[in-house]
PDB file of N, CA and C in Angstrom:
ATOM      1  N   UNK A   1     -29.431  -8.200 -19.855  1.00  0.00           N
ATOM      2  CA  UNK A   1     -28.885  -7.733 -18.733  1.00  0.00           C
ATOM      3  C   UNK A   1     -27.925  -6.636 -18.886  1.00  0.00           C
ATOM      4  N   UNK A   2     -27.797  -5.702 -19.918  1.00  0.00           N
ATOM      5  CA  UNK A   2     -27.179  -4.530 -20.063  1.00  0.00           C
ATOM      6  C   UNK A   2     -25.661  -4.944 -20.103  1.00  0.00           C
ATOM      7  N   UNK A   3     -25.022  -5.848 -20.880  1.00  0.00           N
ATOM      8  CA  UNK A   3     -23.652  -5.991 -20.909  1.00  0.00           C
ATOM      9  C   UNK A   3     -23.037  -6.659 -19.908  1.00  0.00           C
ATOM     10  N   UNK A   4     -23.724  -7.469 -18.857  1.00  0.00           N
ATOM     11  CA  UNK A   4     -23.178  -8.094 -17.934  1.00  0.00           C
ATOM     12  C   UNK A   4     -23.667  -9.677 -18.003  1.00  0.00           C
ATOM     13  N   UNK A   5     -22.808 -10.390 -17.854  1.00  0.00           N
ATOM     14  CA  UNK A   5     -22.902 -11.881 -17.685  1.00  0.00           C
ATOM     15  C   UNK A   5     -22.350 -12.521 -16.459  1.00  0.00           C
ATOM     16  N   UNK A   6     -22.938 -13.575 -15.940  1.00  0.00           N
ATOM     17  CA  UNK A   6     -22.256 -14.128 -14.911  1.00  0.00           C
ATOM     18  C   UNK A   6     -21.825 -15.563 -15.196  1.00  0.00           C
ATOM     19  N   UNK A   7     -20.652 -16.097 -15.058  1.00  0.00           N
ATOM     20  CA  UNK A   7     -20.240 -16.992 -15.356  1.00  0.00           C
ATOM     21  C   UNK A   7     -20.761 -18.308 -14.276  1.00  0.00           C
ATOM     22  N   UNK A   8     -20.739 -19.514 -14.560  1.00  0.00           N
ATOM     23  CA  UNK A   8     -21.139 -20.456 -13.511  1.00  0.00           C
ATOM     24  C   UNK A   8     -20.423 -20.600 -12.350  1.00  0.00           C
ATOM     25  N   UNK A   9     -19.121 -20.085 -12.585  1.00  0.00           N
ATOM     26  CA  UNK A   9     -18.169 -20.200 -11.169  1.00  0.00           C
ATOM     27  C   UNK A   9     -18.524 -18.803 -10.337  1.00  0.00           C
ATOM     28  N   UNK A  10     -19.403 -17.928 -10.787  1.00  0.00           N
ATOM     29  CA  UNK A  10     -19.601 -16.641 -10.001  1.00  0.00           C
ATOM     30  C   UNK A  10     -19.110 -15.497 -10.313  1.00  0.00           C
ATOM     31  N   UNK A  11     -17.977 -15.467 -11.441  1.00  0.00           N
ATOM     32  CA  UNK A  11     -17.492 -14.277 -11.912  1.00  0.00           C
ATOM     33  C   UNK A  11     -18.404 -13.373 -12.468  1.00  0.00           C
ATOM     34  N   UNK A  12     -18.532 -11.968 -12.281  1.00  0.00           N
ATOM     35  CA  UNK A  12     -19.308 -11.257 -13.119  1.00  0.00           C
ATOM     36  C   UNK A  12     -18.664 -10.625 -13.946  1.00  0.00           C
ATOM     37  N   UNK A  13     -18.941 -10.829 -15.332  1.00  0.00           N
ATOM     38  CA  UNK A  13     -17.961  -9.977 -16.420  1.00  0.00           C
ATOM     39  C   UNK A  13     -18.908  -9.019 -16.864  1.00  0.00           C
ATOM     40  N   UNK A  14     -18.238  -7.807 -16.845  1.00  0.00           N
ATOM     41  CA  UNK A  14     -18.989  -6.627 -17.390  1.00  0.00           C
ATOM     42  C   UNK A  14     -18.244  -6.170 -18.591  1.00  0.00           C
ATOM     43  N   UNK A  15     -18.780  -6.229 -19.528  1.00  0.00           N
ATOM     44  CA  UNK A  15     -18.403  -6.165 -21.106  1.00  0.00           C
ATOM     45  C   UNK A  15     -18.061  -4.726 -21.149  1.00  0.00           C
ATOM     46  N   UNK A  16     -16.888  -4.121 -21.868  1.00  0.00           N
ATOM     47  CA  UNK A  16     -16.785  -2.904 -22.205  1.00  0.00           C
ATOM     48  C   UNK A  16     -17.961  -2.354 -23.064  1.00  0.00           C
ATOM     49  N   UNK A  17     -18.256  -1.008 -22.572  1.00  0.00           N
ATOM     50  CA  UNK A  17     -19.246  -0.390 -23.021  1.00  0.00           C
ATOM     51  C   UNK A  17     -18.949   0.419 -24.294  1.00  0.00           C
ATOM     52  N   UNK A  18     -20.214   0.794 -25.143  1.00  0.00           N
ATOM     53  CA  UNK A  18     -19.734   1.520 -26.399  1.00  0.00           C
ATOM     54  C   UNK A  18     -19.504   3.028 -25.908  1.00  0.00           C
ATOM     55  N   UNK A  19     -19.899   3.508 -24.735  1.00  0.00           N
ATOM     56  CA  UNK A  19     -19.752   4.822 -24.330  1.00  0.00           C
ATOM     57  C   UNK A  19     -18.328   4.896 -23.814  1.00  0.00           C
ATOM     58  N   UNK A  20     -17.469   3.994 -23.521  1.00  0.00           N
ATOM     59  CA  UNK A  20     -16.135   4.008 -23.156  1.00  0.00           C
ATOM     60  C   UNK A  20     -15.320   4.820 -24.404  1.00  0.00           C
ATOM     61  N   UNK A  21     -14.464   5.743 -23.528  1.00  0.00           N
ATOM     62  CA  UNK A  21     -13.649   6.627 -24.482  1.00  0.00           C
ATOM     63  C   UNK A  21     -12.394   5.575 -25.025  1.00  0.00           C
ATOM     64  N   UNK A  22     -11.742   6.261 -25.975  1.00  0.00           N
ATOM     65  CA  UNK A  22     -10.310   5.570 -26.376  1.00  0.00           C
ATOM     66  C   UNK A  22      -9.432   5.130 -25.294  1.00  0.00           C
ATOM     67  N   UNK A  23      -9.326   6.401 -24.317  1.00  0.00           N
ATOM     68  CA  UNK A  23      -8.599   6.310 -23.287  1.00  0.00           C
ATOM     69  C   UNK A  23      -9.048   5.011 -22.176  1.00  0.00           C
ATOM     70  N   UNK A  24     -10.328   5.082 -22.014  1.00  0.00           N
ATOM     71  CA  UNK A  24     -10.741   4.014 -21.169  1.00  0.00           C
ATOM     72  C   UNK A  24     -10.519   2.584 -21.849  1.00  0.00           C
ATOM     73  N   UNK A  25     -10.579   2.685 -23.269  1.00  0.00           N
ATOM     74  CA  UNK A  25     -10.563   1.262 -23.865  1.00  0.00           C
ATOM     75  C   UNK A  25      -9.095   0.843 -23.421  1.00  0.00           C
ATOM     76  N   UNK A  26      -8.210   1.798 -23.698  1.00  0.00           N
ATOM     77  CA  UNK A  26      -6.925   1.367 -23.504  1.00  0.00           C
ATOM     78  C   UNK A  26      -6.407   1.090 -21.958  1.00  0.00           C
ATOM     79  N   UNK A  27      -7.168   1.829 -21.141  1.00  0.00           N
ATOM     80  CA  UNK A  27      -6.916   1.535 -19.833  1.00  0.00           C
ATOM     81  C   UNK A  27      -7.492   0.123 -19.308  1.00  0.00           C
ATOM     82  N   UNK A  28      -8.513  -0.346 -19.852  1.00  0.00           N
ATOM     83  CA  UNK A  28      -9.190  -1.704 -19.758  1.00  0.00           C
ATOM     84  C   UNK A  28      -8.281  -2.628 -20.347  1.00  0.00           C
ATOM     85  N   UNK A  29      -7.674  -2.631 -21.476  1.00  0.00           N
ATOM     86  CA  UNK A  29      -6.582  -3.545 -22.119  1.00  0.00           C
ATOM     87  C   UNK A  29      -5.480  -3.694 -21.300  1.00  0.00           C
ATOM     88  N   UNK A  30      -5.024  -2.464 -20.920  1.00  0.00           N
ATOM     89  CA  UNK A  30      -3.580  -2.482 -20.149  1.00  0.00           C
ATOM     90  C   UNK A  30      -3.758  -3.345 -18.743  1.00  0.00           C
ATOM     91  N   UNK A  31      -4.999  -3.048 -18.072  1.00  0.00           N
ATOM     92  CA  UNK A  31      -5.253  -3.814 -16.658  1.00  0.00           C
ATOM     93  C   UNK A  31      -5.365  -5.121 -16.879  1.00  0.00           C
ATOM     94  N   UNK A  32      -6.154  -5.469 -18.062  1.00  0.00           N
ATOM     95  CA  UNK A  32      -6.585  -7.010 -18.455  1.00  0.00           C
ATOM     96  C   UNK A  32      -5.173  -7.614 -18.902  1.00  0.00           C
ATOM     97  N   UNK A  33      -4.380  -7.011 -19.596  1.00  0.00           N
ATOM     98  CA  UNK A  33      -3.057  -7.834 -19.866  1.00  0.00           C
ATOM     99  C   UNK A  33      -2.203  -8.015 -18.941  1.00  0.00           C
ATOM    100  N   UNK A  34      -2.104  -7.011 -18.023  1.00  0.00           N
ATOM    101  CA  UNK A  34      -1.140  -7.120 -16.754  1.00  0.00           C
ATOM    102  C   UNK A  34      -1.829  -8.322 -15.955  1.00  0.00           C
ATOM    103  N   UNK A  35      -3.087  -8.383 -15.667  1.00  0.00           N
ATOM    104  CA  UNK A  35      -3.569  -9.277 -14.845  1.00  0.00           C
ATOM    105  C   UNK A  35      -3.354 -10.960 -15.248  1.00  0.00           C
ATOM    106  N   UNK A  36      -3.490 -10.865 -16.696  1.00  0.00           N
ATOM    107  CA  UNK A  36      -3.354 -12.209 -17.327  1.00  0.00           C
ATOM    108  C   UNK A  36      -1.831 -12.534 -17.259  1.00  0.00           C
ATOM    109  N   UNK A  37      -0.775 -11.553 -17.561  1.00  0.00           N
ATOM    110  CA  UNK A  37       0.677 -11.723 -17.336  1.00  0.00           C
ATOM    111  C   UNK A  37       1.019 -12.049 -16.020  1.00  0.00           C
ATOM    112  N   UNK A  38       0.216 -11.580 -14.840  1.00  0.00           N
ATOM    113  CA  UNK A  38       0.570 -12.279 -13.378  1.00  0.00           C
ATOM    114  C   UNK A  38      -0.261 -13.380 -13.209  1.00  0.00           C
ATOM    115  N   UNK A  39      -0.717 -14.180 -14.204  1.00  0.00           N
ATOM    116  CA  UNK A  39      -1.264 -15.364 -13.849  1.00  0.00           C
ATOM    117  C   UNK A  39      -2.849 -15.500 -13.466  1.00  0.00           C
ATOM    118  N   UNK A  40      -3.422 -14.411 -13.993  1.00  0.00           N
ATOM    119  CA  UNK A  40      -5.060 -14.614 -13.609  1.00  0.00           C
ATOM    120  C   UNK A  40      -5.590 -15.020 -14.886  1.00  0.00           C
ATOM    121  N   UNK A  41      -6.780 -15.723 -14.840  1.00  0.00           N
ATOM    122  CA  UNK A  41      -7.451 -16.269 -15.703  1.00  0.00           C
ATOM    123  C   UNK A  41      -8.071 -15.264 -16.630  1.00  0.00           C
ATOM    124  N   UNK A  42      -8.420 -15.399 -17.983  1.00  0.00           N
ATOM    125  CA  UNK A  42      -8.759 -14.432 -18.690  1.00  0.00           C
ATOM    126  C   UNK A  42     -10.133 -13.828 -18.191  1.00  0.00           C
ATOM    127  N   UNK A  43     -11.208 -14.654 -17.589  1.00  0.00           N
ATOM    128  CA  UNK A  43     -12.434 -14.316 -17.389  1.00  0.00           C
ATOM    129  C   UNK A  43     -12.292 -13.450 -16.229  1.00  0.00           C
ATOM    130  N   UNK A  44     -11.294 -13.807 -15.202  1.00  0.00           N
ATOM    131  CA  UNK A  44     -11.198 -12.964 -14.014  1.00  0.00           C
ATOM    132  C   UNK A  44     -10.500 -11.746 -14.424  1.00  0.00           C
ATOM    133  N   UNK A  45      -9.586 -11.653 -15.256  1.00  0.00           N
ATOM    134  CA  UNK A  45      -8.939 -10.508 -15.782  1.00  0.00           C
ATOM    135  C   UNK A  45      -9.881  -9.512 -16.385  1.00  0.00           C
ATOM    136  N   UNK A  46     -10.778 -10.084 -17.343  1.00  0.00           N
ATOM    137  CA  UNK A  46     -11.726  -9.115 -17.806  1.00  0.00           C
ATOM    138  C   UNK A  46     -12.548  -8.331 -16.743  1.00  0.00           C
ATOM    139  N   UNK A  47     -12.952  -9.306 -15.974  1.00  0.00           N
ATOM    140  CA  UNK A  47     -13.792  -8.770 -14.946  1.00  0.00           C
ATOM    141  C   UNK A  47     -13.364  -7.612 -14.008  1.00  0.00           C
ATOM    142  N   UNK A  48     -12.071  -7.703 -13.615  1.00  0.00           N
ATOM    143  CA  UNK A  48     -11.418  -6.934 -12.612  1.00  0.00           C
ATOM    144  C   UNK A  48     -10.948  -5.739 -13.451  1.00  0.00           C
ATOM    145  N   UNK A  49     -10.706  -5.911 -14.861  1.00  0.00           N
ATOM    146  CA  UNK A  49     -10.276  -4.664 -15.705  1.00  0.00           C
ATOM    147  C   UNK A  49     -11.630  -3.802 -15.867  1.00  0.00           C
ATOM    148  N   UNK A  50     -12.750  -4.597 -16.048  1.00  0.00           N
ATOM    149  CA  UNK A  50     -14.025  -3.622 -16.411  1.00  0.00           C
ATOM    150  C   UNK A  50     -14.458  -3.068 -15.257  1.00  0.00           C
ATOM    151  N   UNK A  51     -14.400  -3.561 -13.949  1.00  0.00           N
ATOM    152  CA  UNK A  51     -14.832  -2.846 -12.666  1.00  0.00           C
ATOM    153  C   UNK A  51     -13.974  -1.760 -12.411  1.00  0.00           C
ATOM    154  N   UNK A  52     -12.646  -1.953 -12.602  1.00  0.00           N
ATOM    155  CA  UNK A  52     -11.488  -0.874 -12.419  1.00  0.00           C
ATOM    156  C   UNK A  52     -11.824   0.418 -13.354  1.00  0.00           C
ATOM    157  N   UNK A  53     -12.086   0.035 -14.446  1.00  0.00           N
ATOM    158  CA  UNK A  53     -12.147   1.207 -15.556  1.00  0.00           C
ATOM    159  C   UNK A  53     -13.554   1.730 -15.343  1.00  0.00           C
ATOM    160  N   UNK A  54     -14.532   0.965 -14.926  1.00  0.00           N
ATOM    161  CA  UNK A  54     -15.857   1.751 -14.495  1.00  0.00           C
ATOM    162  C   UNK A  54     -15.671   2.488 -13.271  1.00  0.00           C
ATOM    163  N   UNK A  55     -14.955   2.039 -12.330  1.00  0.00           N
ATOM    164  CA  UNK A  55     -14.887   2.989 -11.276  1.00  0.00           C
ATOM    165  C   UNK A  55     -14.053   4.359 -11.663  1.00  0.00           C
ATOM    166  N   UNK A  56     -13.065   3.952 -12.416  1.00  0.00           N
ATOM    167  CA  UNK A  56     -12.224   5.592 -12.712  1.00  0.00           C
ATOM    168  C   UNK A  56     -13.409   6.281 -13.679  1.00  0.00           C
ATOM    169  N   UNK A  57     -14.111   5.611 -14.523  1.00  0.00           N
ATOM    170  CA  UNK A  57     -15.023   6.644 -15.321  1.00  0.00           C
ATOM    171  C   UNK A  57     -16.262   7.288 -14.231  1.00  0.00           C
ATOM    172  N   UNK A  58     -16.515   6.467 -13.199  1.00  0.00           N
ATOM    173  CA  UNK A  58     -17.558   7.158 -12.260  1.00  0.00           C
ATOM    174  C   UNK A  58     -16.735   8.277 -11.608  1.00  0.00           C
ATOM    175  N   UNK A  59     -15.555   7.983 -10.941  1.00  0.00           N
ATOM    176  CA  UNK A  59     -14.720   8.990 -10.342  1.00  0.00           C
ATOM    177  C   UNK A  59     -14.482  10.316 -11.033  1.00  0.00           C
ATOM    178  N   UNK A  60     -14.265   9.986 -12.413  1.00  0.00           N
ATOM    179  CA  UNK A  60     -13.936  11.280 -13.217  1.00  0.00           C
ATOM    180  C   UNK A  60     -15.348  11.962 -13.850  1.00  0.00           C
ATOM    181  N   UNK A  61     -16.563  11.459 -13.340  1.00  0.00           N
ATOM    182  CA  UNK A  61     -17.824  12.040 -13.860  1.00  0.00           C
ATOM    183  C   UNK A  61     -18.142  11.731 -15.340  1.00  0.00           C
ATOM    184  N   UNK A  62     -17.646  10.475 -15.775  1.00  0.00           N
ATOM    185  CA  UNK A  62     -17.827  10.120 -16.971  1.00  0.00           C
ATOM    186  C   UNK A  62     -18.960   9.343 -17.345  1.00  0.00           C
ATOM    187  N   UNK A  63     -19.699   8.631 -16.310  1.00  0.00           N
ATOM    188  CA  UNK A  63     -20.811   7.696 -16.264  1.00  0.00           C
ATOM    189  C   UNK A  63     -21.945   8.492 -15.924  1.00  0.00           C
ATOM    190  N   UNK A  64     -23.141   8.059 -16.323  1.00  0.00           N
ATOM    191  CA  UNK A  64     -24.464   8.744 -16.062  1.00  0.00           C
ATOM    192  C   UNK A  64     -24.749   8.412 -14.512  1.00  0.00           C
ATOM    193  N   UNK A  65     -24.518   7.336 -14.113  1.00  0.00           N
ATOM    194  CA  UNK A  65     -25.029   6.911 -12.676  1.00  0.00           C
ATOM    195  C   UNK A  65     -23.792   6.383 -12.325  1.00  0.00           C
ATOM    196  N   UNK A  66     -23.604   6.499 -10.906  1.00  0.00           N
ATOM    197  CA  UNK A  66     -22.478   5.919 -10.261  1.00  0.00           C
ATOM    198  C   UNK A  66     -22.872   5.932  -8.675  1.00  0.00           C
ATOM    199  N   UNK A  67     -22.268   4.724  -8.188  1.00  0.00           N
ATOM    200  CA  UNK A  67     -22.406   4.518  -6.630  1.00  0.00           C
ATOM    201  C   UNK A  67     -21.543   5.273  -5.774  1.00  0.00           C
ATOM    202  N   UNK A  68     -22.222   5.471  -4.488  1.00  0.00           N
ATOM    203  CA  UNK A  68     -21.216   6.352  -3.447  1.00  0.00           C
ATOM    204  C   UNK A  68     -19.982   5.814  -3.355  1.00  0.00           C
ATOM    205  N   UNK A  69     -19.814   4.458  -3.146  1.00  0.00           N
ATOM    206  CA  UNK A  69     -18.442   3.908  -3.050  1.00  0.00           C
ATOM    207  C   UNK A  69     -17.661   4.142  -4.123  1.00  0.00           C
ATOM    208  N   UNK A  70     -18.088   4.300  -5.441  1.00  0.00           N
ATOM    209  CA  UNK A  70     -17.278   4.503  -6.548  1.00  0.00           C
ATOM    210  C   UNK A  70     -16.690   5.876  -6.557  1.00  0.00           C
ATOM    211  N   UNK A  71     -17.494   6.924  -6.120  1.00  0.00           N
ATOM    212  CA  UNK A  71     -17.010   8.115  -6.150  1.00  0.00           C
ATOM    213  C   UNK A  71     -16.358   8.743  -4.866  1.00  0.00           C
ATOM    214  N   UNK A  72     -16.810   8.257  -3.501  1.00  0.00           N
ATOM    215  CA  UNK A  72     -16.203   8.680  -2.226  1.00  0.00           C
ATOM    216  C   UNK A  72     -14.999   7.720  -1.782  1.00  0.00           C
ATOM    217  N   UNK A  73     -15.085   6.352  -2.407  1.00  0.00           N
ATOM    218  CA  UNK A  73     -13.953   5.541  -1.884  1.00  0.00           C
ATOM    219  C   UNK A  73     -12.585   6.018  -2.250  1.00  0.00           C
ATOM    220  N   UNK A  74     -11.552   5.610  -2.000  1.00  0.00           N
ATOM    221  CA  UNK A  74     -10.176   5.949  -2.400  1.00  0.00           C
ATOM    222  C   UNK A  74     -10.121   5.107  -3.891  1.00  0.00           C
ATOM    223  N   UNK A  75      -9.256   5.866  -4.555  1.00  0.00           N
ATOM    224  CA  UNK A  75      -9.016   5.225  -6.052  1.00  0.00           C
ATOM    225  C   UNK A  75      -8.766   3.978  -6.017  1.00  0.00           C
ATOM    226  N   UNK A  76      -8.785   3.117  -7.162  1.00  0.00           N
ATOM    227  CA  UNK A  76      -8.690   1.726  -7.283  1.00  0.00           C
ATOM    228  C   UNK A  76      -7.010   1.753  -7.179  1.00  0.00           C
ATOM    229  N   UNK A  77      -6.500   2.673  -7.983  1.00  0.00           N
ATOM    230  CA  UNK A  77      -4.797   2.368  -7.879  1.00  0.00           C
ATOM    231  C   UNK A  77      -4.401   2.959  -6.577  1.00  0.00           C
ATOM    232  N   UNK A  78      -4.831   3.645  -5.813  1.00  0.00           N
ATOM    233  CA  UNK A  78      -4.494   4.021  -4.442  1.00  0.00           C
ATOM    234  C   UNK A  78      -4.612   2.642  -3.379  1.00  0.00           C
ATOM    235  N   UNK A  79      -5.662   2.133  -3.702  1.00  0.00           N
ATOM    236  CA  UNK A  79      -6.160   1.004  -2.788  1.00  0.00           C
ATOM    237  C   UNK A  79      -5.409  -0.190  -3.106  1.00  0.00           C
ATOM    238  N   UNK A  80      -5.071  -0.436  -4.433  1.00  0.00           N
ATOM    239  CA  UNK A  80      -4.270  -1.461  -4.747  1.00  0.00           C
ATOM    240  C   UNK A  80      -2.774  -1.551  -4.251  1.00  0.00           C
ATOM    241  N   UNK A  81      -2.250   0.040  -4.124  1.00  0.00           N
ATOM    242  CA  UNK A  81      -1.088   0.151  -3.634  1.00  0.00           C
ATOM    243  C   UNK A  81      -0.986  -0.212  -2.309  1.00  0.00           C
ATOM    244  N   UNK A  82      -2.058   0.210  -1.444  1.00  0.00           N
ATOM    245  CA  UNK A  82      -2.139  -0.081  -0.094  1.00  0.00           C
ATOM    246  C   UNK A  82      -1.903  -1.600   0.158  1.00  0.00           C
ATOM    247  N   UNK A  83      -2.694  -2.303  -0.648  1.00  0.00           N
ATOM    248  CA  UNK A  83      -2.840  -3.652  -0.563  1.00  0.00           C
ATOM    249  C   UNK A  83      -1.679  -4.422  -0.892  1.00  0.00           C
ATOM    250  N   UNK A  84      -0.593  -3.917  -1.653  1.00  0.00           N
ATOM    251  CA  UNK A  84       0.319  -4.447  -2.340  1.00  0.00           C
ATOM    252  C   UNK A  84       1.312  -5.087  -1.473  1.00  0.00           C
ATOM    253  N   UNK A  85       1.378  -4.651  -0.238  1.00  0.00           N
ATOM    254  CA  UNK A  85       2.419  -4.899   0.726  1.00  0.00           C
ATOM    255  C   UNK A  85       3.994  -4.634   0.179  1.00  0.00           C
ATOM    256  N   UNK A  86       4.042  -3.738  -0.600  1.00  0.00           N
ATOM    257  CA  UNK A  86       5.257  -3.419  -1.224  1.00  0.00           C
ATOM    258  C   UNK A  86       5.580  -1.720  -1.104  1.00  0.00           C
ATOM    259  N   UNK A  87       6.666  -1.514  -1.502  1.00  0.00           N
ATOM    260  CA  UNK A  87       6.829   0.041  -1.595  1.00  0.00           C
ATOM    261  C   UNK A  87       7.799   0.247  -0.307  1.00  0.00           C
ATOM    262  N   UNK A  88       7.908   1.732  -0.268  1.00  0.00           N
ATOM    263  CA  UNK A  88       9.109   2.233   0.513  1.00  0.00           C
ATOM    264  C   UNK A  88       8.660   1.809   2.136  1.00  0.00           C
ATOM    265  N   UNK A  89       7.466   1.701   2.652  1.00  0.00           N
ATOM    266  CA  UNK A  89       7.092   1.625   3.916  1.00  0.00           C
ATOM    267  C   UNK A  89       6.917  -0.063   4.165  1.00  0.00           C
ATOM    268  N   UNK A  90       6.674  -0.614   3.039  1.00  0.00           N
ATOM    269  CA  UNK A  90       6.239  -2.083   3.333  1.00  0.00           C
ATOM    270  C   UNK A  90       4.861  -2.009   3.851  1.00  0.00           C
ATOM    271  N   UNK A  91       4.381  -3.226   4.356  1.00  0.00           N
ATOM    272  CA  UNK A  91       2.958  -3.230   4.800  1.00  0.00           C
ATOM    273  C   UNK A  91       2.718  -1.918   5.691  1.00  0.00           C
ATOM    274  N   UNK A  92       1.386  -1.764   6.063  1.00  0.00           N
ATOM    275  CA  UNK A  92       0.977  -0.790   6.992  1.00  0.00           C
ATOM    276  C   UNK A  92       1.045  -1.563   8.363  1.00  0.00           C
ATOM    277  N   UNK A  93       0.961  -0.811   9.419  1.00  0.00           N
ATOM    278  CA  UNK A  93       0.845  -1.365  10.724  1.00  0.00           C
ATOM    279  C   UNK A  93      -0.343  -2.130  10.771  1.00  0.00           C
ATOM    280  N   UNK A  94      -1.596  -1.622  10.317  1.00  0.00           N
ATOM    281  CA  UNK A  94      -2.919  -2.151  10.356  1.00  0.00           C
ATOM    282  C   UNK A  94      -2.996  -3.494   9.533  1.00  0.00           C
ATOM    283  N   UNK A  95      -2.144  -3.395   8.573  1.00  0.00           N
ATOM    284  CA  UNK A  95      -1.918  -4.927   7.794  1.00  0.00           C
ATOM    285  C   UNK A  95      -1.018  -5.819   8.668  1.00  0.00           C
ATOM    286  N   UNK A  96      -0.199  -5.447   9.176  1.00  0.00           N
ATOM    287  CA  UNK A  96       0.619  -6.371  10.022  1.00  0.00           C
ATOM    288  C   UNK A  96      -0.134  -6.671  11.263  1.00  0.00           C
ATOM    289  N   UNK A  97      -1.023  -5.711  11.796  1.00  0.00           N
ATOM    290  CA  UNK A  97      -1.782  -6.195  12.993  1.00  0.00           C
ATOM    291  C   UNK A  97      -2.726  -7.317  12.566  1.00  0.00           C
ATOM    292  N   UNK A  98      -3.522  -7.216  11.622  1.00  0.00           N
ATOM    293  CA  UNK A  98      -4.563  -8.085  11.142  1.00  0.00           C
ATOM    294  C   UNK A  98      -3.766  -9.440  10.904  1.00  0.00           C
ATOM    295  N   UNK A  99      -2.440  -9.450  10.227  1.00  0.00           N
ATOM    296  CA  UNK A  99      -2.023 -10.790  10.095  1.00  0.00           C
ATOM    297  C   UNK A  99      -1.614 -11.331  11.449  1.00  0.00           C
ATOM    298  N   UNK A 100      -1.147 -10.288  12.415  1.00  0.00           N
ATOM    299  CA  UNK A 100      -0.856 -11.005  13.696  1.00  0.00           C
ATOM    300  C   UNK A 100      -2.068 -11.424  14.310  1.00  0.00           C
ATOM    301  N   UNK A 101      -3.230 -10.948  14.303  1.00  0.00           N
ATOM    302  CA  UNK A 101      -4.213 -11.354  14.808  1.00  0.00           C
ATOM    303  C   UNK A 101      -4.640 -12.655  14.233  1.00  0.00           C
ATOM    304  N   UNK A 102      -4.657 -12.841  12.684  1.00  0.00           N
ATOM    305  CA  UNK A 102      -5.168 -14.119  12.199  1.00  0.00           C
ATOM    306  C   UNK A 102      -3.974 -15.235  12.768  1.00  0.00           C
ATOM    307  N   UNK A 103      -2.898 -14.899  13.011  1.00  0.00           N
ATOM    308  CA  UNK A 103      -1.945 -16.033  13.456  1.00  0.00           C
ATOM    309  C   UNK A 103      -2.058 -16.043  15.150  1.00  0.00           C
ATOM    310  N   UNK A 104      -2.985 -15.285  15.740  1.00  0.00           N
ATOM    311  CA  UNK A 104      -2.947 -15.527  17.032  1.00  0.00           C
ATOM    312  C   UNK A 104      -1.827 -14.943  17.880  1.00  0.00           C
ATOM    313  N   UNK A 105      -1.175 -14.031  17.664  1.00  0.00           N
ATOM    314  CA  UNK A 105      -0.008 -13.567  18.183  1.00  0.00           C
ATOM    315  C   UNK A 105      -0.387 -12.620  19.490  1.00  0.00           C
ATOM    316  N   UNK A 106       0.072 -13.281  20.577  1.00  0.00           N
ATOM    317  CA  UNK A 106      -0.359 -12.407  22.029  1.00  0.00           C
ATOM    318  C   UNK A 106       0.315 -10.998  22.201  1.00  0.00           C
ATOM    319  N   UNK A 107      -0.255 -10.206  22.618  1.00  0.00           N
ATOM    320  CA  UNK A 107       0.154  -8.773  22.872  1.00  0.00           C
ATOM    321  C   UNK A 107       0.277  -7.830  21.746  1.00  0.00           C
ATOM    322  N   UNK A 108      -0.204  -8.041  20.664  1.00  0.00           N
ATOM    323  CA  UNK A 108      -0.241  -7.596  19.388  1.00  0.00           C
ATOM    324  C   UNK A 108      -0.725  -6.169  19.600  1.00  0.00           C
ATOM    325  N   UNK A 109      -1.641  -5.795  20.451  1.00  0.00           N
ATOM    326  CA  UNK A 109      -2.310  -4.542  20.444  1.00  0.00           C
ATOM    327  C   UNK A 109      -1.317  -3.498  21.057  1.00  0.00           C
ATOM    328  N   UNK A 110      -0.360  -3.774  21.795  1.00  0.00           N
ATOM    329  CA  UNK A 110       0.497  -2.927  22.395  1.00  0.00           C
ATOM    330  C   UNK A 110       1.643  -2.840  21.550  1.00  0.00           C
ATOM    331  N   UNK A 111       1.983  -3.512  20.144  1.00  0.00           N
ATOM    332  CA  UNK A 111       3.044  -3.432  19.475  1.00  0.00           C
ATOM    333  C   UNK A 111       3.140  -2.565  18.369  1.00  0.00           C
ATOM    334  N   UNK A 112       4.174  -1.666  18.221  1.00  0.00           N
ATOM    335  CA  UNK A 112       4.271  -0.997  17.128  1.00  0.00           C
ATOM    336  C   UNK A 112       4.444  -1.593  15.687  1.00  0.00           C
ATOM    337  N   UNK A 113       4.732  -0.871  14.810  1.00  0.00           N
ATOM    338  CA  UNK A 113       4.936  -1.581  13.443  1.00  0.00           C
ATOM    339  C   UNK A 113       6.103  -2.278  13.460  1.00  0.00           C
ATOM    340  N   UNK A 114       7.208  -1.953  13.860  1.00  0.00           N
ATOM    341  CA  UNK A 114       8.537  -2.827  13.942  1.00  0.00           C
ATOM    342  C   UNK A 114       8.265  -4.072  14.861  1.00  0.00           C
ATOM    343  N   UNK A 115       7.635  -3.879  16.036  1.00  0.00           N
ATOM    344  CA  UNK A 115       7.277  -5.054  16.885  1.00  0.00           C
ATOM    345  C   UNK A 115       6.542  -5.960  16.254  1.00  0.00           C
ATOM    346  N   UNK A 116       5.509  -5.614  15.444  1.00  0.00           N
ATOM    347  CA  UNK A 116       4.557  -6.470  14.665  1.00  0.00           C
ATOM    348  C   UNK A 116       5.357  -7.313  13.601  1.00  0.00           C
ATOM    349  N   UNK A 117       6.173  -6.552  12.899  1.00  0.00           N
ATOM    350  CA  UNK A 117       7.070  -7.181  11.967  1.00  0.00           C
ATOM    351  C   UNK A 117       8.051  -8.140  12.430  1.00  0.00           C
ATOM    352  N   UNK A 118       8.679  -7.817  13.344  1.00  0.00           N
ATOM    353  CA  UNK A 118       9.484  -8.767  14.209  1.00  0.00           C
ATOM    354  C   UNK A 118       8.888 -10.110  14.558  1.00  0.00           C
ATOM    355  N   UNK A 119       7.477  -9.951  14.964  1.00  0.00           N
ATOM    356  CA  UNK A 119       6.828 -10.993  15.704  1.00  0.00           C
ATOM    357  C   UNK A 119       6.262 -11.942  14.641  1.00  0.00           C
ATOM    358  N   UNK A 120       6.200 -11.263  13.427  1.00  0.00           N
ATOM    359  CA  UNK A 120       5.635 -12.270  12.286  1.00  0.00           C
ATOM    360  C   UNK A 120       6.867 -12.572  11.380  1.00  0.00           C
ATOM    361  N   UNK A 121       8.053 -12.300  11.944  1.00  0.00           N
ATOM    362  CA  UNK A 121       9.140 -12.858  11.138  1.00  0.00           C
ATOM    363  C   UNK A 121       9.529 -12.199   9.830  1.00  0.00           C
ATOM    364  N   UNK A 122       9.414 -10.878   9.789  1.00  0.00           N
ATOM    365  CA  UNK A 122       9.755 -10.281   8.663  1.00  0.00           C
ATOM    366  C   UNK A 122      11.000  -9.486   8.786  1.00  0.00           C
TER     367      UNK A 122
END
């Protein structure tokens, strides 16, 4: 199956490829170790690290084939930063709006970012 294994719990593990450069090997190990330190399982860490590294390779033109979402989507690092809910601006208005929608807060469509944050108790 070309370096891919599916665990019984559904995780897809994409093993590091021979075509990875030393830089990509370091990137894979760095991501995997960071995920494991933050409490992810080894299987999940390996899977996420491999997918992230493969996407970076596709975006840099280092892979023979790549999906449109790998090359045209925002980078993994930027996407992770947007989802982190941290940083100078905190969560985006859209993130706050979605959380307000999930909690069923009335009048959310007319609220700005500050109003949403206040309604959510932040």
